[in-house]
C-alpha atoms as a PDB file:
ATOM      1  CA  MET A   1     -26.396 -43.619   2.413  1.00  0.00           C
ATOM      2  CA  THR A   2     -27.393 -40.940   4.919  1.00  0.00           C
ATOM      3  CA  ARG A   3     -23.759 -40.325   5.877  1.00  0.00           C
ATOM      4  CA  CYS A   4     -22.794 -39.933   2.210  1.00  0.00           C
ATOM      5  CA  ALA A   5     -25.621 -37.455   1.641  1.00  0.00           C
ATOM      6  CA  SER A   6     -24.572 -35.507   4.734  1.00  0.00           C
ATOM      7  CA  ARG A   7     -20.998 -35.218   3.471  1.00  0.00           C
ATOM      8  CA  HIS A   8     -22.259 -34.042   0.097  1.00  0.00           C
ATOM      9  CA  THR A   9     -24.421 -31.397   1.802  1.00  0.00           C
ATOM     10  CA  ILE A  10     -21.489 -30.118   3.901  1.00  0.00           C
ATOM     11  CA  LYS A  11     -19.235 -29.949   0.831  1.00  0.00           C
ATOM     12  CA  ALA A  12     -21.881 -28.068  -1.146  1.00  0.00           C
ATOM     13  CA  HIS A  13     -22.342 -25.635   1.758  1.00  0.00           C
ATOM     14  CA  ARG A  14     -18.592 -24.962   1.894  1.00  0.00           C
ATOM     15  CA  VAL A  15     -18.420 -24.306  -1.837  1.00  0.00           C
ATOM     16  CA  LYS A  16     -21.415 -21.971  -1.592  1.00  0.00           C
ATOM     17  CA  THR A  17     -19.795 -20.102   1.335  1.00  0.00           C
ATOM     18  CA  ILE A  18     -16.510 -19.640  -0.545  1.00  0.00           C
ATOM     19  CA  HIS A  19     -18.424 -18.394  -3.588  1.00  0.00           C
ATOM     20  CA  LEU A  20     -20.364 -15.929  -1.425  1.00  0.00           C
ATOM     21  CA  ILE A  21     -17.194 -14.563   0.205  1.00  0.00           C
ATOM     22  CA  LEU A  22     -15.385 -14.080  -3.100  1.00  0.00           C
ATOM     23  CA  SER A  23     -18.332 -12.653  -5.035  1.00  0.00           C
ATOM     24  CA  SER A  24     -19.372 -10.234  -2.264  1.00  0.00           C
ATOM     25  CA  SER A  25     -15.775  -9.070  -1.928  1.00  0.00           C
ATOM     26  CA  GLN A  26     -15.506  -8.401  -5.660  1.00  0.00           C
ATOM     27  CA  GLN A  27     -18.849  -6.629  -5.954  1.00  0.00           C
ATOM     28  CA  PHE A  28     -18.203  -4.367  -2.945  1.00  0.00           C
ATOM     29  CA  ARG A  29     -17.562  -0.758  -3.958  1.00  0.00           C
ATOM     30  CA  VAL A  30     -15.043   1.149  -1.880  1.00  0.00           C
ATOM     31  CA  PRO A  31     -16.289   4.537  -0.620  1.00  0.00           C
ATOM     32  CA  LYS A  32     -14.087   7.529  -1.286  1.00  0.00           C
ATOM     33  CA  THR A  33     -12.913   8.116   2.266  1.00  0.00           C
ATOM     34  CA  ARG A  34      -9.384   9.416   1.628  1.00  0.00           C
ATOM     35  CA  ARG A  35      -8.610  13.091   2.067  1.00  0.00           C
ATOM     36  CA  ARG A  36      -7.250  14.954  -0.925  1.00  0.00           C
ATOM     37  CA  HIS A  37      -3.693  15.447   0.387  1.00  0.00           C
ATOM     38  CA  ASP A  38      -3.265  12.203   2.295  1.00  0.00           C
ATOM     39  CA  PRO A  39      -0.217  10.169   1.176  1.00  0.00           C
ATOM     40  CA  THR A  40      -1.151   7.323  -1.172  1.00  0.00           C
ATOM     41  CA  HIS A  41       0.956   4.185  -1.295  1.00  0.00           C
ATOM     42  CA  LEU A  42       1.116   2.334  -4.642  1.00  0.00           C
ATOM     43  CA  LEU A  43       2.713  -1.112  -4.870  1.00  0.00           C
ATOM     44  CA  ILE A  44       3.839  -2.202  -8.354  1.00  0.00           C
ATOM     45  CA  VAL A  45       4.771  -5.832  -9.043  1.00  0.00           C
ATOM     46  CA  LEU A  46       7.511  -6.145 -11.677  1.00  0.00           C
ATOM     47  CA  GLY A  47       7.447  -9.619 -13.163  1.00  0.00           C
ATOM     48  CA  SER A  48      10.854  -9.457 -14.922  1.00  0.00           C
ATOM     49  CA  GLY A  49      11.677  -9.291 -18.638  1.00  0.00           C
ATOM     50  CA  GLY A  50       8.759  -8.453 -20.893  1.00  0.00           C
ATOM     51  CA  HIS A  51       6.335  -8.069 -17.981  1.00  0.00           C
ATOM     52  CA  THR A  52       8.522  -5.348 -16.460  1.00  0.00           C
ATOM     53  CA  ALA A  53       8.954  -3.536 -19.772  1.00  0.00           C
ATOM     54  CA  GLU A  54       5.199  -3.637 -20.401  1.00  0.00           C
ATOM     55  CA  MET A  55       4.322  -2.444 -16.893  1.00  0.00           C
ATOM     56  CA  LEU A  56       6.652   0.557 -17.046  1.00  0.00           C
ATOM     57  CA  ALA A  57       5.426   1.394 -20.550  1.00  0.00           C
ATOM     58  CA  MET A  58       1.865   1.459 -19.199  1.00  0.00           C
ATOM     59  CA  LEU A  59       2.865   3.680 -16.275  1.00  0.00           C
ATOM     60  CA  ARG A  60       4.494   6.130 -18.673  1.00  0.00           C
ATOM     61  CA  ARG A  61       1.398   6.259 -20.841  1.00  0.00           C
ATOM     62  CA  LEU A  62      -1.202   6.607 -18.051  1.00  0.00           C
ATOM     63  CA  PRO A  63       0.706   8.750 -16.899  1.00  0.00           C
ATOM     64  CA  LEU A  64       1.562   7.887 -13.307  1.00  0.00           C
ATOM     65  CA  ASP A  65       1.213  11.086 -11.264  1.00  0.00           C
ATOM     66  CA  PRO A  66       3.640  10.934  -8.296  1.00  0.00           C
ATOM     67  CA  THR A  67       1.906  13.897  -6.671  1.00  0.00           C
ATOM     68  CA  VAL A  68      -1.096  11.587  -6.198  1.00  0.00           C
ATOM     69  CA  TYR A  69       0.761   8.324  -5.573  1.00  0.00           C
ATOM     70  CA  THR A  70       3.243   9.905  -3.214  1.00  0.00           C
ATOM     71  CA  HIS A  71       5.129   6.680  -2.481  1.00  0.00           C
ATOM     72  CA  ARG A  72       5.783   3.863  -4.924  1.00  0.00           C
ATOM     73  CA  THR A  73       7.010   0.431  -3.869  1.00  0.00           C
ATOM     74  CA  TYR A  74       8.400  -1.826  -6.581  1.00  0.00           C
ATOM     75  CA  LEU A  75       8.493  -5.561  -5.918  1.00  0.00           C
ATOM     76  CA  VAL A  76      11.238  -7.394  -7.797  1.00  0.00           C
ATOM     77  CA  THR A  77      12.332 -11.007  -7.463  1.00  0.00           C
ATOM     78  CA  THR A  78      15.715 -12.335  -6.399  1.00  0.00           C
ATOM     79  CA  GLY A  79      18.318 -12.062  -9.140  1.00  0.00           C
ATOM     80  CA  ASP A  80      16.215  -9.737 -11.306  1.00  0.00           C
ATOM     81  CA  SER A  81      18.637  -6.837 -11.587  1.00  0.00           C
ATOM     82  CA  PHE A  82      16.965  -5.831 -14.880  1.00  0.00           C
ATOM     83  CA  SER A  83      13.688  -4.897 -13.174  1.00  0.00           C
ATOM     84  CA  ALA A  84      15.431  -3.112 -10.294  1.00  0.00           C
ATOM     85  CA  THR A  85      17.479  -1.037 -12.756  1.00  0.00           C
ATOM     86  CA  LYS A  86      14.432  -0.216 -14.878  1.00  0.00           C
ATOM     87  CA  ALA A  87      12.437   0.829 -11.781  1.00  0.00           C
ATOM     88  CA  ALA A  88      15.227   3.174 -10.680  1.00  0.00           C
ATOM     89  CA  GLY A  89      15.394   4.602 -14.205  1.00  0.00           C
ATOM     90  CA  PHE A  90      11.646   5.164 -14.256  1.00  0.00           C
ATOM     91  CA  GLU A  91      11.827   6.989 -10.926  1.00  0.00           C
ATOM     92  CA  LYS A  92      14.577   9.227 -12.331  1.00  0.00           C
ATOM     93  CA  TYR A  93      12.239  10.046 -15.226  1.00  0.00           C
ATOM     94  CA  LEU A  94       9.475  10.966 -12.737  1.00  0.00           C
ATOM     95  CA  GLN A  95      11.832  13.195 -10.738  1.00  0.00           C
ATOM     96  CA  GLU A  96      12.805  15.090 -13.900  1.00  0.00           C
ATOM     97  CA  ARG A  97       9.167  15.544 -14.918  1.00  0.00           C
ATOM     98  CA  TYR A  98       7.635  16.350 -11.526  1.00  0.00           C
ATOM     99  CA  PRO A  99       9.344  18.704  -9.027  1.00  0.00           C
ATOM    100  CA  LYS A 100       7.620  16.978  -6.110  1.00  0.00           C
ATOM    101  CA  SER A 101       7.727  13.302  -7.008  1.00  0.00           C
ATOM    102  CA  GLY A 102       7.477  11.824  -3.519  1.00  0.00           C
ATOM    103  CA  SER A 103       9.514   8.751  -2.600  1.00  0.00           C
ATOM    104  CA  PHE A 104       9.984   5.172  -3.740  1.00  0.00           C
ATOM    105  CA  SER A 105      11.319   1.828  -2.526  1.00  0.00           C
ATOM    106  CA  ILE A 106      12.531  -1.296  -4.300  1.00  0.00           C
ATOM    107  CA  ILE A 107      11.928  -4.488  -2.309  1.00  0.00           C
ATOM    108  CA  THR A 108      13.316  -7.875  -3.279  1.00  0.00           C
ATOM    109  CA  ILE A 109      11.297 -11.044  -2.686  1.00  0.00           C
ATOM    110  CA  PRO A 110      11.941 -14.700  -3.601  1.00  0.00           C
ATOM    111  CA  ARG A 111      10.645 -16.064  -6.890  1.00  0.00           C
ATOM    112  CA  ALA A 112       7.412 -18.057  -6.788  1.00  0.00           C
ATOM    113  CA  ARG A 113       8.932 -20.437  -9.312  1.00  0.00           C
ATOM    114  CA  ARG A 114      12.322 -20.300 -11.013  1.00  0.00           C
ATOM    115  CA  VAL A 115      12.756 -20.964 -14.713  1.00  0.00           C
ATOM    116  CA  HIS A 116      12.922 -24.731 -15.370  1.00  0.00           C
ATOM    117  CA  GLN A 117      12.273 -25.445 -11.677  1.00  0.00           C
ATOM    118  CA  SER A 118      10.800 -28.870 -10.958  1.00  0.00           C
ATOM    119  CA  PHE A 119       7.059 -28.909 -10.303  1.00  0.00           C
ATOM    120  CA  LEU A 120       7.814 -31.047  -7.241  1.00  0.00           C
ATOM    121  CA  THR A 121       9.694 -28.236  -5.491  1.00  0.00           C
ATOM    122  CA  ALA A 122       7.675 -25.342  -6.950  1.00  0.00           C
ATOM    123  CA  PRO A 123       4.994 -25.440  -4.183  1.00  0.00           C
ATOM    124  CA  LEU A 124       7.702 -24.903  -1.540  1.00  0.00           C
ATOM    125  CA  SER A 125       9.173 -21.872  -3.292  1.00  0.00           C
ATOM    126  CA  ALA A 126       5.659 -20.516  -3.907  1.00  0.00           C
ATOM    127  CA  LEU A 127       4.860 -20.802  -0.185  1.00  0.00           C
ATOM    128  CA  GLN A 128       8.095 -19.012   0.671  1.00  0.00           C
ATOM    129  CA  CYS A 129       7.219 -16.225  -1.785  1.00  0.00           C
ATOM    130  CA  PHE A 130       3.683 -16.017  -0.350  1.00  0.00           C
ATOM    131  CA  TRP A 131       5.020 -15.667   3.209  1.00  0.00           C
ATOM    132  CA  VAL A 132       7.446 -12.902   2.223  1.00  0.00           C
ATOM    133  CA  CYS A 133       4.625 -11.104   0.383  1.00  0.00           C
ATOM    134  CA  LEU A 134       2.594 -11.202   3.607  1.00  0.00           C
ATOM    135  CA  CYS A 135       5.574  -9.669   5.432  1.00  0.00           C
ATOM    136  CA  VAL A 136       5.880  -6.901   2.833  1.00  0.00           C
ATOM    137  CA  LEU A 137       2.178  -6.032   2.982  1.00  0.00           C
ATOM    138  CA  ARG A 138       2.145  -6.077   6.789  1.00  0.00           C
ATOM    139  CA  GLY A 139       5.268  -3.950   7.081  1.00  0.00           C
ATOM    140  CA  THR A 140       7.410  -6.643   8.755  1.00  0.00           C
ATOM    141  CA  HIS A 141       9.846  -7.172   5.867  1.00  0.00           C
ATOM    142  CA  PRO A 142      13.509  -6.341   6.672  1.00  0.00           C
ATOM    143  CA  GLN A 143      13.534  -3.699   3.921  1.00  0.00           C
ATOM    144  CA  LYS A 144      11.618  -0.915   5.677  1.00  0.00           C
ATOM    145  CA  LEU A 145       9.668   1.883   4.026  1.00  0.00           C
ATOM    146  CA  PRO A 146      10.511   5.566   4.661  1.00  0.00           C
ATOM    147  CA  GLN A 147       9.106   7.015   7.862  1.00  0.00           C
ATOM    148  CA  GLY A 148       5.546   8.261   7.509  1.00  0.00           C
ATOM    149  CA  VAL A 149       4.618   5.944   4.623  1.00  0.00           C
ATOM    150  CA  PRO A 150       1.705   3.590   5.489  1.00  0.00           C
ATOM    151  CA  HIS A 151       3.008   0.032   5.175  1.00  0.00           C
ATOM    152  CA  TYR A 152      -0.331  -1.236   3.823  1.00  0.00           C
ATOM    153  CA  PRO A 153      -0.430  -0.236   0.119  1.00  0.00           C
ATOM    154  CA  ASP A 154      -3.600   1.528  -0.955  1.00  0.00           C
ATOM    155  CA  LEU A 155      -3.380  -0.049  -4.410  1.00  0.00           C
ATOM    156  CA  ILE A 156      -1.533  -3.075  -5.811  1.00  0.00           C
ATOM    157  CA  LEU A 157      -0.898  -3.025  -9.565  1.00  0.00           C
ATOM    158  CA  THR A 158       0.359  -6.107 -11.411  1.00  0.00           C
ATOM    159  CA  ASN A 159       0.433  -7.757 -14.815  1.00  0.00           C
ATOM    160  CA  GLY A 160       1.852 -11.138 -13.739  1.00  0.00           C
ATOM    161  CA  PRO A 161       3.454 -13.623 -13.786  1.00  0.00           C
ATOM    162  CA  GLY A 162       3.652 -16.118 -10.864  1.00  0.00           C
ATOM    163  CA  THR A 163       4.774 -13.632  -8.231  1.00  0.00           C
ATOM    164  CA  ALA A 164       1.581 -11.664  -8.848  1.00  0.00           C
ATOM    165  CA  VAL A 165      -0.461 -14.640  -7.667  1.00  0.00           C
ATOM    166  CA  CYS A 166       1.334 -14.678  -4.316  1.00  0.00           C
ATOM    167  CA  VAL A 167       0.997 -10.911  -3.836  1.00  0.00           C
ATOM    168  CA  VAL A 168      -2.720 -10.769  -4.646  1.00  0.00           C
ATOM    169  CA  LEU A 169      -3.593 -13.833  -2.559  1.00  0.00           C
ATOM    170  CA  ALA A 170      -1.606 -12.415   0.372  1.00  0.00           C
ATOM    171  CA  ALA A 171      -3.550  -9.147   0.090  1.00  0.00           C
ATOM    172  CA  LYS A 172      -6.831 -11.045  -0.107  1.00  0.00           C
ATOM    173  CA  LEU A 173      -5.972 -13.046   3.011  1.00  0.00           C
ATOM    174  CA  ILE A 174      -5.119  -9.914   5.009  1.00  0.00           C
ATOM    175  CA  ARG A 175      -8.331  -8.211   3.948  1.00  0.00           C
ATOM    176  CA  PHE A 176     -10.363 -11.297   4.805  1.00  0.00           C
ATOM    177  CA  VAL A 177      -8.840 -11.536   8.295  1.00  0.00           C
ATOM    178  CA  HIS A 178      -9.576  -7.870   8.937  1.00  0.00           C
ATOM    179  CA  ALA A 179     -13.191  -8.386   7.885  1.00  0.00           C
ATOM    180  CA  VAL A 180     -13.859 -11.280  10.285  1.00  0.00           C
ATOM    181  CA  PRO A 181     -16.021 -10.067  13.200  1.00  0.00           C
ATOM    182  CA  GLY A 182     -14.131 -10.054  16.478  1.00  0.00           C
ATOM    183  CA  ILE A 183     -10.729 -10.150  14.758  1.00  0.00           C
ATOM    184  CA  GLY A 184     -10.583  -7.369  12.255  1.00  0.00           C
ATOM    185  CA  MET A 185     -11.789  -3.857  11.736  1.00  0.00           C
ATOM    186  CA  ARG A 186     -15.179  -4.317  10.029  1.00  0.00           C
ATOM    187  CA  ASN A 187     -16.597  -1.256  11.787  1.00  0.00           C
ATOM    188  CA  SER A 188     -13.430   0.794  11.419  1.00  0.00           C
ATOM    189  CA  THR A 189     -11.991   2.657   8.436  1.00  0.00           C
ATOM    190  CA  ILE A 190     -11.959   1.094   4.984  1.00  0.00           C
ATOM    191  CA  PHE A 191      -9.026  -1.265   4.681  1.00  0.00           C
ATOM    192  CA  PRO A 192      -6.629  -0.657   1.753  1.00  0.00           C
ATOM    193  CA  LEU A 193      -4.926  -3.300  -0.410  1.00  0.00           C
ATOM    194  CA  ARG A 194      -7.144  -2.908  -3.468  1.00  0.00           C
ATOM    195  CA  THR A 195      -5.846  -4.967  -6.408  1.00  0.00           C
ATOM    196  CA  ILE A 196      -5.751  -4.428 -10.186  1.00  0.00           C
ATOM    197  CA  PHE A 197      -4.510  -7.070 -12.614  1.00  0.00           C
ATOM    198  CA  ILE A 198      -3.710  -5.981 -16.179  1.00  0.00           C
ATOM    199  CA  GLU A 199      -3.587  -8.819 -18.684  1.00  0.00           C
ATOM    200  CA  SER A 200      -0.630  -8.705 -21.064  1.00  0.00           C
ATOM    201  CA  TRP A 201      -1.077  -7.049 -24.463  1.00  0.00           C
ATOM    202  CA  ALA A 202       0.151 -10.321 -25.983  1.00  0.00           C
ATOM    203  CA  ARG A 203      -2.995 -12.092 -24.721  1.00  0.00           C
ATOM    204  CA  VAL A 204      -5.544 -11.637 -27.496  1.00  0.00           C
ATOM    205  CA  THR A 205      -8.072 -14.479 -27.154  1.00  0.00           C
ATOM    206  CA  THR A 206      -7.130 -16.394 -23.984  1.00  0.00           C
ATOM    207  CA  LEU A 207      -6.133 -15.385 -20.466  1.00  0.00           C
ATOM    208  CA  SER A 208      -2.706 -16.185 -19.047  1.00  0.00           C
ATOM    209  CA  LEU A 209      -2.333 -18.832 -16.335  1.00  0.00           C
ATOM    210  CA  SER A 210      -1.823 -16.115 -13.707  1.00  0.00           C
ATOM    211  CA  GLY A 211      -4.880 -14.312 -15.035  1.00  0.00           C
ATOM    212  CA  ARG A 212      -7.077 -17.414 -14.836  1.00  0.00           C
ATOM    213  CA  ILE A 213      -5.956 -18.012 -11.252  1.00  0.00           C
ATOM    214  CA  LEU A 214      -6.480 -14.421 -10.125  1.00  0.00           C
ATOM    215  CA  LEU A 215      -9.729 -13.667 -11.984  1.00  0.00           C
ATOM    216  CA  PRO A 216     -11.904 -14.544  -8.922  1.00  0.00           C
ATOM    217  CA  PHE A 217      -9.689 -12.616  -6.494  1.00  0.00           C
ATOM    218  CA  VAL A 218      -8.699  -9.221  -7.915  1.00  0.00           C
ATOM    219  CA  ASP A 219     -10.878  -6.135  -7.543  1.00  0.00           C
ATOM    220  CA  ARG A 220     -10.445  -5.112 -11.188  1.00  0.00           C
ATOM    221  CA  PHE A 221      -9.221  -7.173 -14.119  1.00  0.00           C
ATOM    222  CA  LEU A 222      -8.262  -5.111 -17.183  1.00  0.00           C
ATOM    223  CA  VAL A 223      -7.775  -6.582 -20.669  1.00  0.00           C
ATOM    224  CA  GLN A 224      -6.371  -4.905 -23.769  1.00  0.00           C
ATOM    225  CA  TRP A 225      -8.281  -6.788 -26.480  1.00  0.00           C
ATOM    226  CA  PRO A 226     -12.085  -6.801 -27.036  1.00  0.00           C
ATOM    227  CA  GLY A 227     -12.137 -10.600 -27.313  1.00  0.00           C
ATOM    228  CA  LEU A 228     -11.256 -10.925 -23.616  1.00  0.00           C
ATOM    229  CA  ALA A 229     -13.883  -8.480 -22.333  1.00  0.00           C
ATOM    230  CA  GLY A 230     -16.734  -9.796 -20.200  1.00  0.00           C
ATOM    231  CA  LYS A 231     -15.047 -12.970 -19.006  1.00  0.00           C
ATOM    232  CA  ARG A 232     -15.544 -14.031 -15.387  1.00  0.00           C
ATOM    233  CA  ALA A 233     -14.678 -16.946 -13.152  1.00  0.00           C
ATOM    234  CA  TRP A 234     -18.320 -17.919 -12.576  1.00  0.00           C
ATOM    235  CA  LYS A 235     -21.786 -16.399 -12.244  1.00  0.00           C
ATOM    236  CA  GLY A 236     -21.928 -13.548  -9.757  1.00  0.00           C
ATOM    237  CA  MET A 237     -18.273 -12.602 -10.110  1.00  0.00           C
ATOM    238  CA  ARG A 238     -17.024  -9.350 -11.581  1.00  0.00           C
ATOM    239  CA  GLU A 239     -16.256  -9.414 -15.319  1.00  0.00           C
ATOM    240  CA  THR A 240     -13.021  -8.485 -17.048  1.00  0.00           C
ATOM    241  CA  GLU A 241     -12.958  -4.884 -18.311  1.00  0.00           C
ATOM    242  CA  TYR A 242     -11.798  -3.878 -21.775  1.00  0.00           C
ATOM    243  CA  ALA A 243      -9.437  -0.930 -21.341  1.00  0.00           C
ATOM    244  CA  GLY A 244      -7.973  -0.724 -24.823  1.00  0.00           C
ATOM    245  CA  THR A 245      -4.267  -0.706 -25.607  1.00  0.00           C
ATOM    246  CA  LEU A 246      -2.340   0.503 -22.558  1.00  0.00           C
ATOM    247  CA  VAL A 247       1.239   0.066 -23.757  1.00  0.00           C
ATOM    248  CA  GLU A 248       3.100   2.632 -25.849  1.00  0.00           C
END
């Protein structure tokens, strides 16, 4: 009986610790420590098909100012020539609109899960995608960024689907490691890799699967319908934010 109670106490302590780490990370406000003209690295996850079209439509409407986000990295998955073509077209649009549009890169990563892929093999492909995402964020991916661009993105912007989960969790892991005393840089400069998840315009009353998974992990979670505002993973976590319609 005592042993069973002890195990229950340890399990409860672990759950409480995980909750504390996640909630404190979400509630932490990042000081404005960047200088005005420092290069800013934006990483944009293109989820293929409708997700890509919606993401680029949002970037056009914002609008994305390339004089602020001086380097843009687009993550596309293997075989998704549509997203790569659309990203290149969007960059051409920026170059025509802004004389000094900075630079951009298109990096290809494996899919977290292929269409109609068996759920038995999906965990393996998801782990492979997660590992490659770690390599991209740490600057060890074979596709290198232009010289002078910081390999750690300052901001990661995504609207799903599965690949977004791997990217955000990889960023969260890197930030966690750098915050551990004795390992990371707790007393150094503020670490980048801030994350924003934008729920699809098609989601009116319920969150997507990717959204439900990432709700406890992202720094900001934007929704486009009032019915999704104020949702959170559990007490103490940051709520979803109603941003209105973001697509054109």
